[in-house]
């Protein structure tokens, strides 16, 4: 039997909502502390109550700065 440890999180700051799906889930950029660690920037889908979450990506401040540089250089 494989047990998956409980994931504890605290949303420190909701920075932005990127989009909202037709079932009410929102893709959000948040500053989150995972399992009591230092907060990181996190982009993922959340249900309305912030209980269930989808797959996402978590970035340190340095990684987010680098991503911002890359996005600023892109022609969209």
Protein backbone atom coordinates (compact mmCIF):
# COMPACT_ATOMS: atom_id res chain seq x y z
CA UNK A 1 0.00 0.00 0.00
CA UNK A 2 1.26 3.47 -0.92
CA UNK A 3 0.28 6.39 1.28
CA UNK A 4 0.43 9.94 0.06
CA UNK A 5 1.24 12.43 2.80
CA UNK A 6 -1.23 15.24 3.38
CA UNK A 7 -0.28 18.48 1.67
CA UNK A 8 -0.69 21.56 3.84
CA UNK A 9 -0.79 24.99 2.28
CA UNK A 10 -1.56 28.58 3.14
CA UNK A 11 -2.39 31.12 0.47
CA UNK A 12 -0.45 34.15 1.68
CA UNK A 13 -1.55 36.46 -1.12
CA UNK A 14 -3.83 36.13 -4.15
CA UNK A 15 -1.99 38.06 -6.84
CA UNK A 16 -4.23 37.59 -9.88
CA UNK A 17 -6.86 35.45 -11.55
CA UNK A 18 -5.70 34.53 -15.06
CA UNK A 19 -8.89 32.84 -16.26
CA UNK A 20 -12.07 31.10 -15.11
CA UNK A 21 -13.44 27.85 -16.49
CA UNK A 22 -17.11 27.09 -17.09
CA UNK A 23 -17.24 24.93 -13.92
CA UNK A 24 -16.09 27.81 -11.70
CA UNK A 25 -12.46 26.76 -11.36
CA UNK A 26 -10.01 29.65 -11.62
CA UNK A 27 -6.41 29.70 -12.82
CA UNK A 28 -4.69 31.88 -10.23
CA UNK A 29 -1.28 33.27 -9.46
CA UNK A 30 -0.80 33.13 -5.70
CA UNK A 31 1.95 33.40 -3.13
CA UNK A 32 1.67 30.10 -1.20
CA UNK A 33 3.46 28.47 1.71
CA UNK A 34 3.57 24.69 1.14
CA UNK A 35 3.95 22.49 4.26
CA UNK A 36 5.11 25.44 6.38
CA UNK A 37 7.99 26.37 4.07
CA UNK A 38 8.86 29.84 2.78
CA UNK A 39 6.19 31.14 0.37
CA UNK A 40 6.66 30.69 -3.38
CA UNK A 41 4.78 31.91 -6.43
CA UNK A 42 2.27 29.36 -7.66
CA UNK A 43 0.18 29.15 -10.83
CA UNK A 44 -2.62 26.55 -10.89
CA UNK A 45 -6.37 25.92 -11.10
CA UNK A 46 -8.44 26.15 -7.91
CA UNK A 47 -12.05 25.40 -7.07
CA UNK A 48 -14.17 28.22 -5.64
CA UNK A 49 -13.43 27.28 -2.01
CA UNK A 50 -9.66 26.78 -2.52
CA UNK A 51 -9.98 23.19 -1.26
CA UNK A 52 -9.35 21.30 -4.50
CA UNK A 53 -6.54 22.17 -6.87
CA UNK A 54 -5.27 21.14 -10.27
CA UNK A 55 -1.73 20.57 -11.42
CA UNK A 56 0.39 23.66 -11.43
CA UNK A 57 3.84 25.18 -11.28
CA UNK A 58 5.61 26.67 -8.27
CA UNK A 59 8.41 29.20 -8.75
CA UNK A 60 10.86 30.95 -6.47
CA UNK A 61 11.14 34.74 -6.74
CA UNK A 62 14.29 34.34 -8.83
CA UNK A 63 12.57 31.90 -11.21
CA UNK A 64 9.59 34.23 -11.57
CA UNK A 65 11.92 37.15 -12.38
CA UNK A 66 13.63 35.04 -15.06
CA UNK A 67 10.26 33.99 -16.51
CA UNK A 68 9.18 37.64 -16.61
CA UNK A 69 12.32 38.52 -18.59
CA UNK A 70 11.61 35.74 -21.06
CA UNK A 71 7.95 36.75 -21.47
CA UNK A 72 8.89 40.41 -21.96
CA UNK A 73 11.16 39.39 -24.85
CA UNK A 74 8.49 37.31 -26.59
CA UNK A 75 6.32 38.70 -29.37
CA UNK A 76 2.78 37.64 -28.60
